[in-house]
PDB file of all heavy atoms in Angstrom:
ATOM      1  N   ALA A   1     207.968 173.496 173.236  1.00  0.00           N
ATOM      2  CA  ALA A   1     207.797 173.737 171.881  1.00  0.00           C
ATOM      3  C   ALA A   1     208.223 175.220 171.457  1.00  0.00           C
ATOM      4  O   ALA A   1     208.791 175.374 170.437  1.00  0.00           O
ATOM      5  CB  ALA A   1     206.387 173.486 171.433  1.00  0.00           C
ATOM      6  N   SER A   2     207.914 176.157 172.247  1.00  0.00           N
ATOM      7  CA  SER A   2     208.214 177.564 171.946  1.00  0.00           C
ATOM      8  C   SER A   2     209.710 177.729 171.973  1.00  0.00           C
ATOM      9  O   SER A   2     210.247 178.576 171.286  1.00  0.00           O
ATOM     10  CB  SER A   2     207.521 178.521 172.899  1.00  0.00           C
ATOM     11  OG  SER A   2     207.924 178.345 174.208  1.00  0.00           O
ATOM     12  N   GLN A   3     210.362 177.110 172.923  1.00  0.00           N
ATOM     13  CA  GLN A   3     211.907 177.263 173.036  1.00  0.00           C
ATOM     14  C   GLN A   3     212.551 176.606 171.774  1.00  0.00           C
ATOM     15  O   GLN A   3     213.499 177.118 171.154  1.00  0.00           O
ATOM     16  CB  GLN A   3     212.423 176.587 174.293  1.00  0.00           C
ATOM     17  CG  GLN A   3     211.953 177.426 175.529  1.00  0.00           C
ATOM     18  CD  GLN A   3     212.404 176.637 176.822  1.00  0.00           C
ATOM     19  OE1 GLN A   3     212.260 175.359 176.777  1.00  0.00           O
ATOM     20  NE2 GLN A   3     212.725 177.298 177.875  1.00  0.00           N
ATOM     21  N   ALA A   4     211.967 175.462 171.405  1.00  0.00           N
ATOM     22  CA  ALA A   4     212.534 174.830 170.204  1.00  0.00           C
ATOM     23  C   ALA A   4     212.310 175.696 168.944  1.00  0.00           C
ATOM     24  O   ALA A   4     213.246 175.785 168.104  1.00  0.00           O
ATOM     25  CB  ALA A   4     211.838 173.509 170.082  1.00  0.00           C
ATOM     26  N   ALA A   5     211.194 176.185 168.761  1.00  0.00           N
ATOM     27  CA  ALA A   5     210.855 177.071 167.660  1.00  0.00           C
ATOM     28  C   ALA A   5     211.724 178.299 167.639  1.00  0.00           C
ATOM     29  O   ALA A   5     212.275 178.634 166.526  1.00  0.00           O
ATOM     30  CB  ALA A   5     209.353 177.494 167.666  1.00  0.00           C
ATOM     31  N   GLY A   6     211.954 178.853 168.772  1.00  0.00           N
ATOM     32  CA  GLY A   6     212.851 180.017 168.869  1.00  0.00           C
ATOM     33  C   GLY A   6     214.332 179.718 168.426  1.00  0.00           C
ATOM     34  O   GLY A   6     214.958 180.482 167.767  1.00  0.00           O
ATOM     35  N   GLY A   7     214.812 178.567 168.894  1.00  0.00           N
ATOM     36  CA  GLY A   7     216.139 178.052 168.533  1.00  0.00           C
ATOM     37  C   GLY A   7     216.271 177.937 167.073  1.00  0.00           C
ATOM     38  O   GLY A   7     217.333 178.245 166.513  1.00  0.00           O
ATOM     39  N   LEU A   8     215.268 177.252 166.455  1.00  0.00           N
ATOM     40  CA  LEU A   8     215.261 176.988 165.053  1.00  0.00           C
ATOM     41  C   LEU A   8     215.273 178.345 164.273  1.00  0.00           C
ATOM     42  O   LEU A   8     215.931 178.430 163.203  1.00  0.00           O
ATOM     43  CB  LEU A   8     214.130 176.034 164.644  1.00  0.00           C
ATOM     44  CG  LEU A   8     214.287 174.638 165.054  1.00  0.00           C
ATOM     45  CD1 LEU A   8     213.033 173.866 164.687  1.00  0.00           C
ATOM     46  CD2 LEU A   8     215.518 173.926 164.391  1.00  0.00           C
ATOM     47  N   THR A   9     214.494 179.170 164.692  1.00  0.00           N
ATOM     48  CA  THR A   9     214.462 180.514 164.071  1.00  0.00           C
ATOM     49  C   THR A   9     215.754 181.271 164.031  1.00  0.00           C
ATOM     50  O   THR A   9     216.235 181.826 163.074  1.00  0.00           O
ATOM     51  CB  THR A   9     213.380 181.537 164.657  1.00  0.00           C
ATOM     52  OG1 THR A   9     212.143 180.784 164.611  1.00  0.00           O
ATOM     53  CG2 THR A   9     213.268 182.826 164.051  1.00  0.00           C
ATOM     54  N   LEU A  10     216.433 181.235 165.265  1.00  0.00           N
ATOM     55  CA  LEU A  10     217.784 181.812 165.369  1.00  0.00           C
ATOM     56  C   LEU A  10     218.706 181.152 164.466  1.00  0.00           C
ATOM     57  O   LEU A  10     219.684 181.816 163.882  1.00  0.00           O
ATOM     58  CB  LEU A  10     218.200 181.820 166.843  1.00  0.00           C
ATOM     59  CG  LEU A  10     217.449 182.771 167.794  1.00  0.00           C
ATOM     60  CD1 LEU A  10     217.900 182.572 169.142  1.00  0.00           C
ATOM     61  CD2 LEU A  10     217.732 184.209 167.331  1.00  0.00           C
ATOM     62  N   LEU A  11     218.716 179.710 164.437  1.00  0.00           N
ATOM     63  CA  LEU A  11     219.578 179.046 163.525  1.00  0.00           C
ATOM     64  C   LEU A  11     219.382 179.465 162.129  1.00  0.00           C
ATOM     65  O   LEU A  11     220.337 179.722 161.383  1.00  0.00           O
ATOM     66  CB  LEU A  11     219.411 177.511 163.749  1.00  0.00           C
ATOM     67  CG  LEU A  11     220.348 176.635 163.097  1.00  0.00           C
ATOM     68  CD1 LEU A  11     221.791 176.922 163.504  1.00  0.00           C
ATOM     69  CD2 LEU A  11     219.927 175.162 163.361  1.00  0.00           C
ATOM     70  N   ALA A  12     218.175 179.495 161.636  1.00  0.00           N
ATOM     71  CA  ALA A  12     217.878 179.892 160.274  1.00  0.00           C
ATOM     72  C   ALA A  12     218.349 181.295 159.969  1.00  0.00           C
ATOM     73  O   ALA A  12     218.922 181.548 158.838  1.00  0.00           O
ATOM     74  CB  ALA A  12     216.333 179.748 160.039  1.00  0.00           C
ATOM     75  N   LEU A  13     218.123 182.221 160.858  1.00  0.00           N
ATOM     76  CA  LEU A  13     218.648 183.611 160.729  1.00  0.00           C
ATOM     77  C   LEU A  13     220.192 183.669 160.601  1.00  0.00           C
ATOM     78  O   LEU A  13     220.758 184.293 159.763  1.00  0.00           O
ATOM     79  CB  LEU A  13     218.132 184.547 161.765  1.00  0.00           C
ATOM     80  CG  LEU A  13     216.664 184.821 161.740  1.00  0.00           C
ATOM     81  CD1 LEU A  13     216.317 185.628 163.052  1.00  0.00           C
ATOM     82  CD2 LEU A  13     216.262 185.671 160.520  1.00  0.00           C
ATOM     83  N   ALA A  14     220.809 182.988 161.482  1.00  0.00           N
ATOM     84  CA  ALA A  14     222.285 182.880 161.401  1.00  0.00           C
ATOM     85  C   ALA A  14     222.807 182.269 160.107  1.00  0.00           C
ATOM     86  O   ALA A  14     223.732 182.794 159.487  1.00  0.00           O
ATOM     87  CB  ALA A  14     222.843 182.046 162.542  1.00  0.00           C
ATOM     88  N   GLY A  15     222.136 181.275 159.621  1.00  0.00           N
ATOM     89  CA  GLY A  15     222.488 180.572 158.323  1.00  0.00           C
ATOM     90  C   GLY A  15     222.265 181.542 157.145  1.00  0.00           C
ATOM     91  O   GLY A  15     223.196 181.562 156.364  1.00  0.00           O
ATOM     92  N   GLY A  16     221.192 182.308 157.199  1.00  0.00           N
ATOM     93  CA  GLY A  16     220.826 183.283 156.168  1.00  0.00           C
ATOM     94  C   GLY A  16     221.792 184.306 156.213  1.00  0.00           C
ATOM     95  O   GLY A  16     222.353 184.811 155.103  1.00  0.00           O
ATOM     96  N   ALA A  17     222.192 184.866 157.312  1.00  0.00           N
ATOM     97  CA  ALA A  17     223.202 185.872 157.409  1.00  0.00           C
ATOM     98  C   ALA A  17     224.563 185.519 156.898  1.00  0.00           C
ATOM     99  O   ALA A  17     225.278 186.272 156.197  1.00  0.00           O
ATOM    100  CB  ALA A  17     223.325 186.436 158.908  1.00  0.00           C
ATOM    101  N   ALA A  18     225.033 184.278 157.358  1.00  0.00           N
ATOM    102  CA  ALA A  18     226.259 183.729 156.863  1.00  0.00           C
ATOM    103  C   ALA A  18     226.262 183.636 155.312  1.00  0.00           C
ATOM    104  O   ALA A  18     227.309 183.871 154.736  1.00  0.00           O
ATOM    105  CB  ALA A  18     226.622 182.383 157.542  1.00  0.00           C
ATOM    106  N   TYR A  19     225.262 183.168 154.707  1.00  0.00           N
ATOM    107  CA  TYR A  19     225.064 182.934 153.287  1.00  0.00           C
ATOM    108  C   TYR A  19     225.289 184.372 152.630  1.00  0.00           C
ATOM    109  O   TYR A  19     226.038 184.508 151.686  1.00  0.00           O
ATOM    110  CB  TYR A  19     223.827 182.272 152.929  1.00  0.00           C
ATOM    111  CG  TYR A  19     223.599 182.349 151.452  1.00  0.00           C
ATOM    112  CD1 TYR A  19     224.210 181.411 150.600  1.00  0.00           C
ATOM    113  CD2 TYR A  19     222.665 183.266 150.796  1.00  0.00           C
ATOM    114  CE1 TYR A  19     223.953 181.490 149.144  1.00  0.00           C
ATOM    115  CE2 TYR A  19     222.494 183.204 149.514  1.00  0.00           C
ATOM    116  CZ  TYR A  19     223.060 182.392 148.668  1.00  0.00           C
ATOM    117  OH  TYR A  19     222.816 182.322 147.303  1.00  0.00           O
ATOM    118  N   LEU A  20     224.559 185.358 153.112  1.00  0.00           N
ATOM    119  CA  LEU A  20     224.606 186.718 152.464  1.00  0.00           C
ATOM    120  C   LEU A  20     225.865 187.362 152.545  1.00  0.00           C
ATOM    121  O   LEU A  20     226.493 188.037 151.677  1.00  0.00           O
ATOM    122  CB  LEU A  20     223.610 187.584 153.052  1.00  0.00           C
ATOM    123  CG  LEU A  20     222.039 187.216 152.767  1.00  0.00           C
ATOM    124  CD1 LEU A  20     221.148 188.157 153.504  1.00  0.00           C
ATOM    125  CD2 LEU A  20     221.830 187.433 151.222  1.00  0.00           C
ATOM    126  N   LEU A  21     226.609 187.194 153.803  1.00  0.00           N
ATOM    127  CA  LEU A  21     227.963 187.725 154.066  1.00  0.00           C
ATOM    128  C   LEU A  21     228.951 187.083 153.063  1.00  0.00           C
ATOM    129  O   LEU A  21     229.820 187.766 152.542  1.00  0.00           O
ATOM    130  CB  LEU A  21     228.381 187.646 155.466  1.00  0.00           C
ATOM    131  CG  LEU A  21     227.605 188.535 156.476  1.00  0.00           C
ATOM    132  CD1 LEU A  21     228.102 188.198 157.944  1.00  0.00           C
ATOM    133  CD2 LEU A  21     227.989 190.020 156.111  1.00  0.00           C
ATOM    134  N   ARG A  22     228.929 185.831 152.980  1.00  0.00           N
ATOM    135  CA  ARG A  22     229.820 185.125 152.077  1.00  0.00           C
ATOM    136  C   ARG A  22     229.633 185.504 150.643  1.00  0.00           C
ATOM    137  O   ARG A  22     230.504 185.622 149.837  1.00  0.00           O
ATOM    138  CB  ARG A  22     229.614 183.533 152.320  1.00  0.00           C
ATOM    139  CG  ARG A  22     230.581 182.815 151.424  1.00  0.00           C
ATOM    140  CD  ARG A  22     230.588 181.346 151.948  1.00  0.00           C
ATOM    141  NE  ARG A  22     231.267 180.424 151.046  1.00  0.00           N
ATOM    142  CZ  ARG A  22     232.658 180.257 151.117  1.00  0.00           C
ATOM    143  NH1 ARG A  22     233.362 180.954 152.043  1.00  0.00           N
ATOM    144  NH2 ARG A  22     233.271 179.478 150.276  1.00  0.00           N
ATOM    145  N   ARG A  23     228.368 185.607 150.259  1.00  0.00           N
ATOM    146  CA  ARG A  23     228.064 185.942 148.799  1.00  0.00           C
ATOM    147  C   ARG A  23     228.471 187.418 148.564  1.00  0.00           C
ATOM    148  O   ARG A  23     229.041 187.601 147.537  1.00  0.00           O
ATOM    149  CB  ARG A  23     226.511 185.960 148.684  1.00  0.00           C
ATOM    150  CG  ARG A  23     225.998 186.075 147.257  1.00  0.00           C
ATOM    151  CD  ARG A  23     224.563 185.847 147.140  1.00  0.00           C
ATOM    152  NE  ARG A  23     224.126 186.873 146.208  1.00  0.00           N
ATOM    153  CZ  ARG A  23     222.859 187.378 146.343  1.00  0.00           C
ATOM    154  NH1 ARG A  23     221.980 186.869 147.088  1.00  0.00           N
ATOM    155  NH2 ARG A  23     222.525 188.299 145.454  1.00  0.00           N
ATOM    156  N   ASN A  24     228.363 188.355 149.419  1.00  0.00           N
ATOM    157  CA  ASN A  24     228.827 189.698 149.235  1.00  0.00           C
ATOM    158  C   ASN A  24     230.312 189.822 149.213  1.00  0.00           C
ATOM    159  O   ASN A  24     230.870 190.442 148.332  1.00  0.00           O
ATOM    160  CB  ASN A  24     228.266 190.637 150.435  1.00  0.00           C
ATOM    161  CG  ASN A  24     226.820 190.956 150.174  1.00  0.00           C
ATOM    162  OD1 ASN A  24     226.332 190.785 149.089  1.00  0.00           O
ATOM    163  ND2 ASN A  24     226.194 191.337 151.293  1.00  0.00           N
ATOM    164  N   THR A  25     231.061 188.918 150.049  1.00  0.00           N
ATOM    165  CA  THR A  25     232.473 188.873 150.011  1.00  0.00           C
ATOM    166  C   THR A  25     232.959 188.344 148.640  1.00  0.00           C
ATOM    167  O   THR A  25     234.011 188.789 148.148  1.00  0.00           O
ATOM    168  CB  THR A  25     232.973 188.051 151.199  1.00  0.00           C
ATOM    169  OG1 THR A  25     232.403 188.591 152.360  1.00  0.00           O
ATOM    170  CG2 THR A  25     234.368 188.126 151.327  1.00  0.00           C
ATOM    171  N   THR A  26     232.335 187.264 148.220  1.00  0.00           N
ATOM    172  CA  THR A  26     232.769 186.715 147.032  1.00  0.00           C
ATOM    173  C   THR A  26     232.564 187.564 145.762  1.00  0.00           C
ATOM    174  O   THR A  26     233.358 187.638 144.802  1.00  0.00           O
ATOM    175  CB  THR A  26     232.019 185.303 146.784  1.00  0.00           C
ATOM    176  OG1 THR A  26     232.161 184.580 147.986  1.00  0.00           O
ATOM    177  CG2 THR A  26     232.578 184.543 145.549  1.00  0.00           C
ATOM    178  N   ALA A  27     231.491 188.336 145.783  1.00  0.00           N
ATOM    179  CA  ALA A  27     231.156 189.244 144.692  1.00  0.00           C
ATOM    180  C   ALA A  27     232.146 190.391 144.584  1.00  0.00           C
ATOM    181  O   ALA A  27     232.480 190.906 143.478  1.00  0.00           O
ATOM    182  CB  ALA A  27     229.761 189.851 144.922  1.00  0.00           C
ATOM    183  N   ARG A  28     232.773 190.779 145.684  1.00  0.00           N
ATOM    184  CA  ARG A  28     233.794 191.902 145.652  1.00  0.00           C
ATOM    185  C   ARG A  28     235.118 191.420 145.102  1.00  0.00           C
ATOM    186  O   ARG A  28     235.908 192.235 144.739  1.00  0.00           O
ATOM    187  CB  ARG A  28     233.860 192.447 147.083  1.00  0.00           C
ATOM    188  CG  ARG A  28     232.708 193.131 147.465  1.00  0.00           C
ATOM    189  CD  ARG A  28     233.007 193.818 148.838  1.00  0.00           C
ATOM    190  NE  ARG A  28     231.720 194.264 149.433  1.00  0.00           N
ATOM    191  CZ  ARG A  28     231.469 194.487 150.736  1.00  0.00           C
ATOM    192  NH1 ARG A  28     232.489 194.292 151.510  1.00  0.00           N
ATOM    193  NH2 ARG A  28     230.318 194.907 151.128  1.00  0.00           N
ATOM    194  N   SER A  29     235.406 190.254 145.278  1.00  0.00           N
ATOM    195  CA  SER A  29     236.724 189.692 144.870  1.00  0.00           C
ATOM    196  C   SER A  29     237.001 189.670 143.407  1.00  0.00           C
ATOM    197  O   SER A  29     236.242 189.649 142.588  1.00  0.00           O
ATOM    198  CB  SER A  29     237.026 188.353 145.394  1.00  0.00           C
ATOM    199  OG  SER A  29     236.942 188.364 146.804  1.00  0.00           O
TER     200      SER A  29
END
């Protein structure tokens, strides 16, 4: 269970970072 929770947390952080990077790139164009 702890390994699964850690993997889901990393996946959520990566998704959030990708969203913020894309949003910042779109706003500059």
